Amino acid sequence: MLRVLVLLVMVTPAAAQDAAELALAREVLTTLQPLSFRKMREYCGYLALDRTGRLLATDPVPGDMASCAAAFPQDLAVVASYHTHGTFNEGYFNEMPSTIDIESDSAFYLNGFVATPGGRFWYIDGREKTARQICGVGCLPAAPLFRKGTEGVVADTYTYDDLRRLQR
């Protein structure tokens, strides 16, 4: 007698939304990385739902070498932020999210996505105040002058308190 096991995988709307957010954030940040390196500045924006429920990315806003502030769109339902970390600079913690990155997302109960000069791709959970590396060095375009290891070992996850201790 042949027995067949059927596994039903149910994709919830939340899981589909998360996957769509991740894919869109990766696409946007992949496109922005070379511009961010060339202009030596951060670029930022939001992922949001329009009135029809379509997920989209707002136009990127240029920041400066170490920060970026995009206006919160009034006509969209924002679900996450995104930003690059500019080009490689040994004077900064380039390769991990900053405490300010987590504070900014947490203040609005948002999640966030961060691209680093080394091409790392990070997810910030604004409610939990944690950062998780989605993929490591070279996952996204890397800055031409990037040198791996200048910040020591970069962990896969950080809590807000971990980053606060490291970035004093």
N, C-alpha and C. Protein backbone atom coordinates (compact mmCIF):
# COMPACT_ATOMS: atom_id res chain seq x y z
N MET A 1 0.85 -1.17 0.00
CA MET A 1 0.00 0.00 0.00
C MET A 1 0.90 1.24 0.00
N LEU A 2 0.65 2.14 -0.90
CA LEU A 2 1.41 3.37 -1.04
C LEU A 2 0.72 4.45 -0.22
N ARG A 3 1.48 5.06 0.67
CA ARG A 3 0.91 6.14 1.49
C ARG A 3 1.47 7.45 0.98
N VAL A 4 0.60 8.40 0.84
CA VAL A 4 0.99 9.71 0.35
C VAL A 4 0.77 10.72 1.46
N LEU A 5 1.79 11.46 1.72
CA LEU A 5 1.71 12.52 2.72
C LEU A 5 1.59 13.84 1.98
N VAL A 6 0.57 14.56 2.28
CA VAL A 6 0.36 15.85 1.65
C VAL A 6 0.63 16.93 2.68
N LEU A 7 1.53 17.81 2.33
CA LEU A 7 1.87 18.93 3.21
C LEU A 7 1.28 20.19 2.61
N LEU A 8 0.42 20.78 3.35
CA LEU A 8 -0.18 22.04 2.89
C LEU A 8 0.59 23.19 3.52
N VAL A 9 1.09 24.05 2.68
CA VAL A 9 1.78 25.23 3.16
C VAL A 9 0.87 26.40 2.91
N MET A 10 0.53 27.04 3.97
CA MET A 10 -0.37 28.17 3.85
C MET A 10 0.44 29.45 3.95
N VAL A 11 0.36 30.26 2.93
CA VAL A 11 1.05 31.54 2.95
C VAL A 11 0.05 32.58 3.43
N THR A 12 0.33 33.13 4.58
CA THR A 12 -0.57 34.15 5.12
C THR A 12 -0.32 35.47 4.42
N PRO A 13 -1.30 36.36 4.43
CA PRO A 13 -1.07 37.67 3.83
C PRO A 13 0.14 38.38 4.45
N ALA A 14 0.35 38.22 5.75
CA ALA A 14 1.49 38.87 6.41
C ALA A 14 2.81 38.33 5.87
N ALA A 15 2.90 37.01 5.67
CA ALA A 15 4.13 36.41 5.15
C ALA A 15 4.39 36.88 3.72
N ALA A 16 3.34 36.94 2.91
CA ALA A 16 3.49 37.42 1.53
C ALA A 16 3.93 38.88 1.53
N GLN A 17 3.36 39.66 2.43
CA GLN A 17 3.74 41.07 2.53
C GLN A 17 5.20 41.20 2.92
N ASP A 18 5.64 40.42 3.90
CA ASP A 18 7.04 40.47 4.33
C ASP A 18 7.98 40.11 3.19
N ALA A 19 7.65 39.07 2.43
CA ALA A 19 8.48 38.66 1.30
C ALA A 19 8.52 39.74 0.23
N ALA A 20 7.39 40.37 -0.02
CA ALA A 20 7.33 41.45 -1.01
C ALA A 20 8.14 42.65 -0.55
N GLU A 21 8.06 42.98 0.74
CA GLU A 21 8.85 44.09 1.29
C GLU A 21 10.34 43.81 1.14
N LEU A 22 10.75 42.61 1.50
CA LEU A 22 12.15 42.22 1.41
C LEU A 22 12.65 42.33 -0.04
N ALA A 23 11.88 41.82 -0.98
CA ALA A 23 12.28 41.86 -2.39
C ALA A 23 12.36 43.30 -2.90
N LEU A 24 11.39 44.12 -2.54
CA LEU A 24 11.40 45.51 -3.00
C LEU A 24 12.56 46.28 -2.36
N ALA A 25 12.78 46.08 -1.07
CA ALA A 25 13.89 46.76 -0.39
C ALA A 25 15.22 46.37 -1.03
N ARG A 26 15.39 45.11 -1.33
CA ARG A 26 16.64 44.64 -1.95
C ARG A 26 16.83 45.28 -3.32
N GLU A 27 15.76 45.35 -4.11
CA GLU A 27 15.82 45.96 -5.44
C GLU A 27 16.20 47.45 -5.35
N VAL A 28 15.52 48.16 -4.46
CA VAL A 28 15.77 49.60 -4.30
C VAL A 28 17.20 49.85 -3.83
N LEU A 29 17.64 49.13 -2.81
CA LEU A 29 18.98 49.35 -2.27
C LEU A 29 20.08 48.91 -3.24
N THR A 30 19.84 47.87 -4.00
CA THR A 30 20.80 47.45 -5.02
C THR A 30 21.00 48.58 -6.04
N THR A 31 19.91 49.21 -6.42
CA THR A 31 19.97 50.32 -7.38
C THR A 31 20.66 51.55 -6.78
N LEU A 32 20.41 51.82 -5.51
CA LEU A 32 20.95 53.03 -4.87
C LEU A 32 22.41 52.94 -4.46
N GLN A 33 22.92 51.74 -4.21
CA GLN A 33 24.29 51.60 -3.71
C GLN A 33 25.32 52.35 -4.56
N PRO A 34 25.39 52.15 -5.87
CA PRO A 34 26.42 52.86 -6.66
C PRO A 34 26.30 54.39 -6.58
N LEU A 35 25.09 54.90 -6.57
CA LEU A 35 24.87 56.34 -6.44
C LEU A 35 25.35 56.82 -5.07
N SER A 36 25.03 56.08 -4.05
CA SER A 36 25.44 56.41 -2.69
C SER A 36 26.96 56.46 -2.56
N PHE A 37 27.65 55.53 -3.20
CA PHE A 37 29.12 55.51 -3.17
C PHE A 37 29.68 56.70 -3.93
N ARG A 38 29.15 56.93 -5.12
CA ARG A 38 29.66 58.01 -5.99
C ARG A 38 29.46 59.38 -5.34
N LYS A 39 28.29 59.60 -4.74
CA LYS A 39 27.97 60.89 -4.13
C LYS A 39 28.46 61.00 -2.68
N MET A 40 28.95 59.88 -2.13
CA MET A 40 29.45 59.83 -0.75
C MET A 40 28.41 60.34 0.25
N ARG A 41 27.20 59.81 0.12
CA ARG A 41 26.12 60.20 1.03
C ARG A 41 25.10 59.08 1.14
N GLU A 42 24.31 59.18 2.19
CA GLU A 42 23.22 58.23 2.39
C GLU A 42 22.03 58.64 1.52
N TYR A 43 21.23 57.66 1.17
CA TYR A 43 19.94 57.87 0.51
C TYR A 43 18.89 57.09 1.29
N CYS A 44 17.70 57.68 1.42
CA CYS A 44 16.68 57.03 2.23
C CYS A 44 15.28 57.26 1.67
N GLY A 45 14.35 56.46 2.16
CA GLY A 45 12.96 56.58 1.77
C GLY A 45 12.14 55.54 2.52
N TYR A 46 10.96 55.28 1.99
CA TYR A 46 10.03 54.37 2.65
C TYR A 46 9.45 53.36 1.68
N LEU A 47 9.07 52.22 2.22
CA LEU A 47 8.23 51.27 1.51
C LEU A 47 6.83 51.51 2.06
N ALA A 48 5.84 51.54 1.17
CA ALA A 48 4.49 51.90 1.61
C ALA A 48 3.44 51.26 0.71
N LEU A 49 2.23 51.25 1.21
CA LEU A 49 1.08 50.78 0.44
C LEU A 49 0.30 51.99 -0.05
N ASP A 50 -0.06 51.96 -1.35
CA ASP A 50 -0.90 53.05 -1.84
C ASP A 50 -2.36 52.73 -1.54
N ARG A 51 -3.27 53.55 -2.01
CA ARG A 51 -4.70 53.38 -1.70
C ARG A 51 -5.29 52.09 -2.24
N THR A 52 -4.65 51.52 -3.25
CA THR A 52 -5.14 50.26 -3.82
C THR A 52 -4.51 49.04 -3.16
N GLY A 53 -3.58 49.27 -2.22
CA GLY A 53 -2.90 48.17 -1.54
C GLY A 53 -1.63 47.73 -2.24
N ARG A 54 -1.20 48.46 -3.26
CA ARG A 54 0.02 48.12 -3.99
C ARG A 54 1.24 48.59 -3.19
N LEU A 55 2.22 47.71 -3.04
CA LEU A 55 3.46 48.03 -2.34
C LEU A 55 4.37 48.80 -3.28
N LEU A 56 4.93 49.90 -2.80
CA LEU A 56 5.83 50.71 -3.61
C LEU A 56 6.90 51.33 -2.73
N ALA A 57 7.92 51.84 -3.39
CA ALA A 57 8.99 52.56 -2.68
C ALA A 57 8.87 54.03 -3.03
N THR A 58 9.00 54.88 -2.02
CA THR A 58 9.02 56.31 -2.30
C THR A 58 10.34 56.66 -2.96
N ASP A 59 10.36 57.80 -3.65
CA ASP A 59 11.60 58.25 -4.28
C ASP A 59 12.66 58.46 -3.21
N PRO A 60 13.90 58.06 -3.49
CA PRO A 60 14.96 58.24 -2.50
C PRO A 60 15.30 59.72 -2.30
N VAL A 61 15.64 60.04 -1.06
CA VAL A 61 16.02 61.39 -0.68
C VAL A 61 17.51 61.37 -0.34
N PRO A 62 18.29 62.32 -0.84
CA PRO A 62 19.71 62.35 -0.47
C PRO A 62 19.89 62.91 0.94
N GLY A 63 20.80 62.31 1.66
CA GLY A 63 21.17 62.82 2.98
C GLY A 63 22.57 63.38 2.92
N ASP A 64 23.30 63.23 4.01
CA ASP A 64 24.71 63.61 4.01
C ASP A 64 25.54 62.36 4.24
N MET A 65 26.78 62.54 4.63
CA MET A 65 27.68 61.39 4.76
C MET A 65 27.25 60.41 5.86
N ALA A 66 26.56 60.91 6.89
CA ALA A 66 26.25 60.03 8.02
C ALA A 66 24.78 60.05 8.45
N SER A 67 23.90 60.67 7.67
CA SER A 67 22.49 60.67 8.06
C SER A 67 21.61 60.97 6.86
N CYS A 68 20.32 60.70 7.06
CA CYS A 68 19.35 60.96 6.01
C CYS A 68 17.98 61.06 6.66
N ALA A 69 17.16 61.98 6.20
CA ALA A 69 15.82 62.16 6.76
C ALA A 69 14.83 62.42 5.63
N ALA A 70 14.01 61.44 5.34
CA ALA A 70 12.96 61.59 4.33
C ALA A 70 11.67 62.01 5.02
N ALA A 71 10.94 62.91 4.39
CA ALA A 71 9.64 63.33 4.93
C ALA A 71 8.68 62.14 4.89
N PHE A 72 7.89 62.01 5.93
CA PHE A 72 6.93 60.93 6.02
C PHE A 72 5.79 61.22 5.04
N PRO A 73 5.52 60.32 4.08
CA PRO A 73 4.47 60.60 3.10
C PRO A 73 3.08 60.57 3.75
N GLN A 74 2.25 61.53 3.40
CA GLN A 74 0.92 61.64 4.00
C GLN A 74 -0.14 60.80 3.30
N ASP A 75 0.08 60.49 2.04
CA ASP A 75 -0.95 59.79 1.25
C ASP A 75 -0.70 58.29 1.10
N LEU A 76 0.23 57.75 1.87
CA LEU A 76 0.59 56.34 1.79
C LEU A 76 0.61 55.72 3.18
N ALA A 77 0.42 54.41 3.25
CA ALA A 77 0.54 53.67 4.51
C ALA A 77 1.95 53.10 4.57
N VAL A 78 2.82 53.76 5.31
CA VAL A 78 4.23 53.36 5.40
C VAL A 78 4.36 52.06 6.19
N VAL A 79 5.14 51.12 5.63
CA VAL A 79 5.35 49.84 6.31
C VAL A 79 6.80 49.63 6.72
N ALA A 80 7.73 50.33 6.08
CA ALA A 80 9.15 50.16 6.43
C ALA A 80 9.95 51.34 5.88
N SER A 81 11.12 51.53 6.45
CA SER A 81 12.06 52.52 5.93
C SER A 81 13.15 51.78 5.17
N TYR A 82 13.90 52.53 4.36
CA TYR A 82 15.10 51.98 3.74
C TYR A 82 16.15 53.08 3.68
N HIS A 83 17.41 52.68 3.78
CA HIS A 83 18.49 53.64 3.55
C HIS A 83 19.84 52.96 3.31
N THR A 84 20.69 53.67 2.60
CA THR A 84 22.06 53.23 2.39
C THR A 84 22.92 53.84 3.49
N HIS A 85 24.11 53.32 3.65
CA HIS A 85 25.06 53.90 4.60
C HIS A 85 26.17 54.68 3.91
N GLY A 86 25.94 55.09 2.68
CA GLY A 86 26.94 55.88 1.98
C GLY A 86 28.14 55.04 1.57
N THR A 87 29.25 55.71 1.40
CA THR A 87 30.45 55.02 0.96
C THR A 87 31.29 54.59 2.17
N PHE A 88 32.30 53.81 1.93
CA PHE A 88 33.14 53.31 3.01
C PHE A 88 33.98 54.44 3.61
N ASN A 89 34.02 54.48 4.94
CA ASN A 89 34.81 55.46 5.66
C ASN A 89 35.26 54.82 6.96
N GLU A 90 36.56 54.75 7.17
CA GLU A 90 37.08 54.09 8.38
C GLU A 90 36.67 54.80 9.67
N GLY A 91 36.23 56.03 9.59
CA GLY A 91 35.84 56.77 10.78
C GLY A 91 34.44 56.47 11.27
N TYR A 92 33.69 55.64 10.56
CA TYR A 92 32.30 55.33 10.93
C TYR A 92 32.11 53.84 11.13
N PHE A 93 31.03 53.50 11.83
CA PHE A 93 30.58 52.12 11.90
C PHE A 93 29.73 51.91 10.65
N ASN A 94 30.39 51.56 9.56
CA ASN A 94 29.71 51.43 8.28
C ASN A 94 28.88 50.16 8.15
N GLU A 95 29.34 49.08 8.74
CA GLU A 95 28.86 47.75 8.38
C GLU A 95 27.75 47.19 9.26
N MET A 96 27.22 48.01 10.13
CA MET A 96 26.09 47.57 10.96
C MET A 96 25.16 48.77 11.12
N PRO A 97 23.89 48.51 11.39
CA PRO A 97 22.99 49.64 11.66
C PRO A 97 23.45 50.39 12.89
N SER A 98 23.09 51.65 12.96
CA SER A 98 23.44 52.47 14.13
C SER A 98 22.29 52.46 15.13
N THR A 99 22.57 52.93 16.32
CA THR A 99 21.50 53.09 17.31
C THR A 99 20.46 54.08 16.79
N ILE A 100 20.89 55.09 16.07
CA ILE A 100 19.94 56.07 15.51
C ILE A 100 19.03 55.40 14.48
N ASP A 101 19.57 54.47 13.69
CA ASP A 101 18.75 53.73 12.73
C ASP A 101 17.62 53.01 13.46
N ILE A 102 17.96 52.33 14.55
CA ILE A 102 16.95 51.58 15.30
C ILE A 102 15.98 52.54 16.00
N GLU A 103 16.50 53.60 16.60
CA GLU A 103 15.62 54.57 17.28
C GLU A 103 14.61 55.18 16.31
N SER A 104 15.07 55.52 15.11
CA SER A 104 14.19 56.14 14.12
C SER A 104 13.05 55.21 13.72
N ASP A 105 13.36 53.95 13.43
CA ASP A 105 12.31 53.00 13.06
C ASP A 105 11.41 52.70 14.25
N SER A 106 11.98 52.53 15.40
CA SER A 106 11.22 52.21 16.60
C SER A 106 10.24 53.32 16.97
N ALA A 107 10.62 54.55 16.78
CA ALA A 107 9.76 55.69 17.13
C ALA A 107 8.43 55.65 16.36
N PHE A 108 8.46 55.07 15.16
CA PHE A 108 7.25 54.99 14.33
C PHE A 108 6.70 53.57 14.23
N TYR A 109 7.21 52.66 15.08
CA TYR A 109 6.81 51.25 15.06
C TYR A 109 6.97 50.65 13.67
N LEU A 110 8.05 51.02 13.00
CA LEU A 110 8.35 50.53 11.66
C LEU A 110 9.47 49.51 11.69
N ASN A 111 9.56 48.78 10.61
CA ASN A 111 10.75 47.98 10.34
C ASN A 111 11.59 48.78 9.36
N GLY A 112 12.82 48.36 9.17
CA GLY A 112 13.69 49.08 8.26
C GLY A 112 14.66 48.16 7.56
N PHE A 113 15.21 48.65 6.45
CA PHE A 113 16.21 47.92 5.68
C PHE A 113 17.40 48.84 5.46
N VAL A 114 18.60 48.29 5.66
CA VAL A 114 19.83 49.09 5.56
C VAL A 114 20.83 48.36 4.66
N ALA A 115 21.45 49.12 3.77
CA ALA A 115 22.53 48.61 2.93
C ALA A 115 23.83 49.26 3.38
N THR A 116 24.88 48.46 3.52
CA THR A 116 26.18 48.98 3.98
C THR A 116 27.16 49.08 2.82
N PRO A 117 28.25 49.84 3.00
CA PRO A 117 29.27 49.94 1.95
C PRO A 117 29.89 48.60 1.55
N GLY A 118 29.90 47.66 2.47
CA GLY A 118 30.43 46.34 2.16
C GLY A 118 29.44 45.45 1.43
N GLY A 119 28.23 45.95 1.21
CA GLY A 119 27.21 45.18 0.52
C GLY A 119 26.38 44.30 1.44
N ARG A 120 26.46 44.52 2.75
CA ARG A 120 25.60 43.79 3.67
C ARG A 120 24.17 44.35 3.57
N PHE A 121 23.21 43.49 3.85
CA PHE A 121 21.79 43.85 3.80
C PHE A 121 21.19 43.51 5.15
N TRP A 122 20.69 44.54 5.84
CA TRP A 122 20.19 44.39 7.21
C TRP A 122 18.68 44.63 7.28
N TYR A 123 18.06 43.94 8.24
CA TYR A 123 16.64 44.14 8.58
C TYR A 123 16.58 44.67 10.00
N ILE A 124 15.88 45.75 10.20
CA ILE A 124 15.68 46.30 11.54
C ILE A 124 14.24 46.04 11.97
N ASP A 125 14.09 45.40 13.10
CA ASP A 125 12.77 45.19 13.69
C ASP A 125 12.55 46.33 14.68
N GLY A 126 11.73 47.29 14.30
CA GLY A 126 11.53 48.49 15.11
C GLY A 126 10.82 48.23 16.43
N ARG A 127 9.97 47.23 16.47
CA ARG A 127 9.27 46.93 17.72
C ARG A 127 10.19 46.22 18.71
N GLU A 128 10.97 45.28 18.20
CA GLU A 128 11.87 44.50 19.05
C GLU A 128 13.19 45.23 19.32
N LYS A 129 13.47 46.28 18.53
CA LYS A 129 14.73 47.02 18.61
C LYS A 129 15.93 46.10 18.41
N THR A 130 15.85 45.35 17.30
CA THR A 130 16.94 44.46 16.93
C THR A 130 17.28 44.67 15.45
N ALA A 131 18.49 44.26 15.09
CA ALA A 131 18.94 44.29 13.70
C ALA A 131 19.45 42.90 13.35
N ARG A 132 19.04 42.40 12.19
CA ARG A 132 19.45 41.08 11.73
C ARG A 132 20.02 41.20 10.32
N GLN A 133 21.18 40.61 10.13
CA GLN A 133 21.82 40.62 8.82
C GLN A 133 21.10 39.61 7.91
N ILE A 134 20.50 40.12 6.84
CA ILE A 134 19.83 39.24 5.89
C ILE A 134 20.88 38.49 5.07
N CYS A 135 21.90 39.20 4.63
CA CYS A 135 23.01 38.57 3.92
C CYS A 135 24.25 39.43 4.07
N GLY A 136 25.40 38.80 3.93
CA GLY A 136 26.66 39.43 4.28
C GLY A 136 27.37 40.17 3.16
N VAL A 137 28.66 40.36 3.36
CA VAL A 137 29.51 41.13 2.47
C VAL A 137 29.31 40.69 1.02
N GLY A 138 29.08 41.68 0.15
CA GLY A 138 28.93 41.42 -1.27
C GLY A 138 27.55 40.97 -1.69
N CYS A 139 26.62 40.86 -0.77
CA CYS A 139 25.25 40.47 -1.10
C CYS A 139 24.60 41.55 -1.97
N LEU A 140 24.86 42.81 -1.66
CA LEU A 140 24.47 43.97 -2.46
C LEU A 140 25.77 44.56 -3.03
N PRO A 141 25.69 45.48 -3.96
CA PRO A 141 26.92 46.09 -4.46
C PRO A 141 27.77 46.68 -3.32
N ALA A 142 29.08 46.49 -3.42
CA ALA A 142 30.02 46.97 -2.40
C ALA A 142 30.80 48.17 -2.93
N ALA A 143 31.16 49.08 -2.03
CA ALA A 143 31.93 50.28 -2.38
C ALA A 143 33.31 49.87 -2.89
N PRO A 144 33.82 50.58 -3.90
CA PRO A 144 35.12 50.22 -4.46
C PRO A 144 36.26 50.22 -3.44
N LEU A 145 36.22 51.09 -2.45
CA LEU A 145 37.31 51.17 -1.47
C LEU A 145 37.04 50.39 -0.18
N PHE A 146 35.95 49.61 -0.15
CA PHE A 146 35.60 48.85 1.04
C PHE A 146 36.71 47.87 1.40
N ARG A 147 37.02 47.82 2.70
CA ARG A 147 37.99 46.86 3.22
C ARG A 147 37.33 46.07 4.35
N LYS A 148 37.16 44.81 4.13
CA LYS A 148 36.53 43.94 5.11
C LYS A 148 37.40 43.84 6.36
N GLY A 149 36.75 43.85 7.52
CA GLY A 149 37.45 43.60 8.77
C GLY A 149 37.90 44.83 9.53
N THR A 150 37.73 46.03 8.98
CA THR A 150 38.19 47.22 9.69
C THR A 150 37.40 47.49 10.96
N GLU A 151 36.19 46.94 11.05
CA GLU A 151 35.37 47.09 12.26
C GLU A 151 35.40 45.84 13.12
N GLY A 152 36.30 44.93 12.82
CA GLY A 152 36.34 43.68 13.54
C GLY A 152 35.27 42.73 13.02
N VAL A 153 34.88 41.80 13.85
CA VAL A 153 33.86 40.83 13.47
C VAL A 153 32.50 41.51 13.54
N VAL A 154 31.72 41.35 12.48
CA VAL A 154 30.36 41.88 12.45
C VAL A 154 29.42 40.70 12.68
N ALA A 155 28.64 40.79 13.75
CA ALA A 155 27.72 39.71 14.11
C ALA A 155 26.53 39.65 13.15
N ASP A 156 25.80 38.56 13.20
CA ASP A 156 24.60 38.40 12.37
C ASP A 156 23.41 39.16 12.94
N THR A 157 23.38 39.33 14.26
CA THR A 157 22.27 40.05 14.90
C THR A 157 22.81 40.94 16.01
N TYR A 158 22.08 42.03 16.25
CA TYR A 158 22.40 42.94 17.34
C TYR A 158 21.11 43.43 17.98
N THR A 159 21.15 43.59 19.29
CA THR A 159 20.07 44.30 19.96
C THR A 159 20.45 45.78 20.00
N TYR A 160 19.50 46.60 20.35
CA TYR A 160 19.78 48.02 20.48
C TYR A 160 20.89 48.26 21.51
N ASP A 161 20.81 47.54 22.63
CA ASP A 161 21.83 47.70 23.69
C ASP A 161 23.21 47.24 23.22
N ASP A 162 23.26 46.17 22.41
CA ASP A 162 24.54 45.72 21.84
C ASP A 162 25.17 46.86 21.04
N LEU A 163 24.38 47.47 20.17
CA LEU A 163 24.89 48.55 19.32
C LEU A 163 25.29 49.76 20.14
N ARG A 164 24.54 50.05 21.17
CA ARG A 164 24.86 51.20 22.03
C ARG A 164 26.23 51.02 22.68
N ARG A 165 26.51 49.80 23.14
CA ARG A 165 27.82 49.51 23.75
C ARG A 165 28.93 49.61 22.73
N LEU A 166 28.71 49.12 21.52
CA LEU A 166 29.74 49.14 20.47
C LEU A 166 30.00 50.54 19.91
N GLN A 167 28.98 51.36 19.84
CA GLN A 167 29.08 52.64 19.12
C GLN A 167 29.22 53.84 20.05
N ARG A 168 29.75 53.63 21.22
CA ARG A 168 29.96 54.75 22.15
C ARG A 168 31.01 55.69 21.66
